[in-house]
Amino acid sequence: MASVSTRGNQDKDTHLPPPSKQSLLFCPKSKLHIHRAEISKIMRECQEESFWKRALPFSLVSMLVTQGLVYQGYLAANPRFGSLPKVARTACLPVRNAK
C-alpha cells in the first residue's frame, strides 16, 4: 500500500503543460478551466445587475430629491428651463460612477 503512486492524479490533469515546459512561476491552481468567454459573461452579468439594482434606483431617487429641493425653494430653478438641468445632471451622476 505504501507504493501507491500519485501518477494517476497527474494523468487526469490533461489541460496542464508537461513539467518540462512549466516555468518556475507555474501554479497549477490558477490554470483551472476558466475560459475568457466565461469571465466576460460573468462580468457582463455583474455590470447589468449593478445597473438595474444599484445605479438606476439611486439615480431615480436622486432625481426625485433634487426635484423636491427645487420645488421647496432650496435650489433655484433655471429661469428658462426650470428644474430640468439640475435634475438631468443629478440623473447622470450615479450611472457614470457605476461603470
Protein backbone atom coordinates (compact mmCIF):
# COMPACT_ATOMS: atom_id res chain seq x y z
CA MET A 1 0.00 0.00 0.00
CA ALA A 2 2.92 2.34 0.59
CA SER A 3 3.89 2.01 -3.06
CA VAL A 4 0.70 3.68 -4.29
CA SER A 5 1.69 6.21 -6.88
CA THR A 6 0.18 9.63 -7.48
CA ARG A 7 0.75 9.19 -11.20
CA GLY A 8 -2.99 8.56 -11.68
CA ASN A 9 -3.79 12.07 -10.43
CA GLN A 10 -1.33 13.64 -12.87
CA ASP A 11 -2.92 11.89 -15.84
CA LYS A 12 -6.30 13.46 -15.02
CA ASP A 13 -4.92 16.99 -15.46
CA THR A 14 -4.56 16.89 -19.23
CA HIS A 15 -5.02 20.67 -19.53
CA LEU A 16 -1.74 21.33 -17.70
CA PRO A 17 1.51 21.61 -19.67
CA PRO A 18 4.11 18.90 -19.10
CA PRO A 19 6.53 19.55 -16.21
CA SER A 20 9.43 20.15 -18.62
CA LYS A 21 7.57 23.13 -20.22
CA GLN A 22 6.38 24.70 -16.97
CA SER A 23 8.11 27.85 -15.75
CA LEU A 24 9.33 28.31 -12.20
CA LEU A 25 6.33 30.56 -11.52
CA PHE A 26 3.79 27.96 -12.67
CA CYS A 27 0.82 27.50 -10.36
CA PRO A 28 -1.49 24.59 -11.22
CA LYS A 29 -4.36 26.02 -9.14
CA SER A 30 -4.55 29.12 -11.33
CA LYS A 31 -4.70 27.11 -14.54
CA LEU A 32 -8.13 25.61 -13.95
CA HIS A 33 -10.72 25.65 -16.72
CA ILE A 34 -11.96 29.21 -16.63
CA HIS A 35 -12.23 30.42 -20.18
CA ARG A 36 -12.21 34.05 -21.22
CA ALA A 37 -15.73 33.69 -22.59
CA GLU A 38 -16.98 32.63 -19.17
CA ILE A 39 -15.19 35.52 -17.48
CA SER A 40 -16.59 38.06 -19.94
CA LYS A 41 -20.08 36.60 -19.48
CA ILE A 42 -19.78 36.91 -15.69
CA MET A 43 -18.51 40.50 -15.99
CA ARG A 44 -21.38 41.41 -18.32
CA GLU A 45 -23.90 39.91 -15.88
CA CYS A 46 -22.34 41.82 -12.97
CA GLN A 47 -22.46 45.10 -14.85
CA GLU A 48 -26.08 44.54 -15.85
CA GLU A 49 -27.09 43.61 -12.32
CA SER A 50 -25.22 46.61 -10.94
CA PHE A 51 -27.08 48.93 -13.29
CA TRP A 52 -30.57 47.57 -12.59
CA LYS A 53 -30.20 47.01 -8.84
CA ARG A 54 -27.97 49.91 -7.80
CA ALA A 55 -27.37 52.68 -10.33
CA LEU A 56 -30.88 53.07 -11.73
CA PRO A 57 -32.74 53.15 -8.37
CA PHE A 58 -30.16 55.52 -6.89
CA SER A 59 -30.45 57.76 -9.93
CA LEU A 60 -34.25 57.86 -9.72
CA VAL A 61 -34.20 58.66 -6.00
CA SER A 62 -31.61 61.40 -6.58
CA MET A 63 -33.78 62.92 -9.31
CA LEU A 64 -36.82 62.93 -7.03
CA VAL A 65 -34.88 64.53 -4.18
CA THR A 66 -33.47 67.20 -6.49
CA GLN A 67 -36.92 67.95 -7.90
CA GLY A 68 -38.27 68.20 -4.36
CA LEU A 69 -35.50 70.61 -3.36
CA VAL A 70 -36.23 72.81 -6.38
CA TYR A 71 -39.95 72.69 -5.64
CA GLN A 72 -39.42 73.64 -1.98
CA GLY A 73 -37.14 76.52 -2.98
CA TYR A 74 -33.87 75.19 -1.52
CA LEU A 75 -32.39 75.10 -5.03
CA ALA A 76 -33.03 77.85 -7.56
CA ALA A 77 -34.69 76.84 -10.81
CA ASN A 78 -33.26 77.98 -14.10
CA PRO A 79 -35.31 80.93 -15.43
CA ARG A 80 -35.53 79.44 -18.91
CA PHE A 81 -35.54 75.64 -18.41
CA GLY A 82 -36.83 75.29 -14.87
CA SER A 83 -35.57 72.33 -12.84
CA LEU A 84 -34.65 70.21 -15.87
CA PRO A 85 -30.87 70.98 -15.96
CA LYS A 86 -30.41 70.19 -12.27
CA VAL A 87 -32.48 67.02 -12.43
CA ALA A 88 -30.70 65.82 -15.59
CA ARG A 89 -27.27 66.44 -14.07
CA THR A 90 -28.32 64.58 -10.92
CA ALA A 91 -29.57 61.65 -13.00
CA CYS A 92 -26.22 61.25 -14.77
CA LEU A 93 -24.02 61.13 -11.66
CA PRO A 94 -24.81 57.63 -10.28
CA VAL A 95 -24.82 55.95 -13.71
CA ARG A 96 -21.47 57.44 -14.64
CA ASN A 97 -19.88 56.33 -11.36
CA ALA A 98 -21.27 52.78 -11.57
CA LYS A 99 -19.10 51.88 -14.54
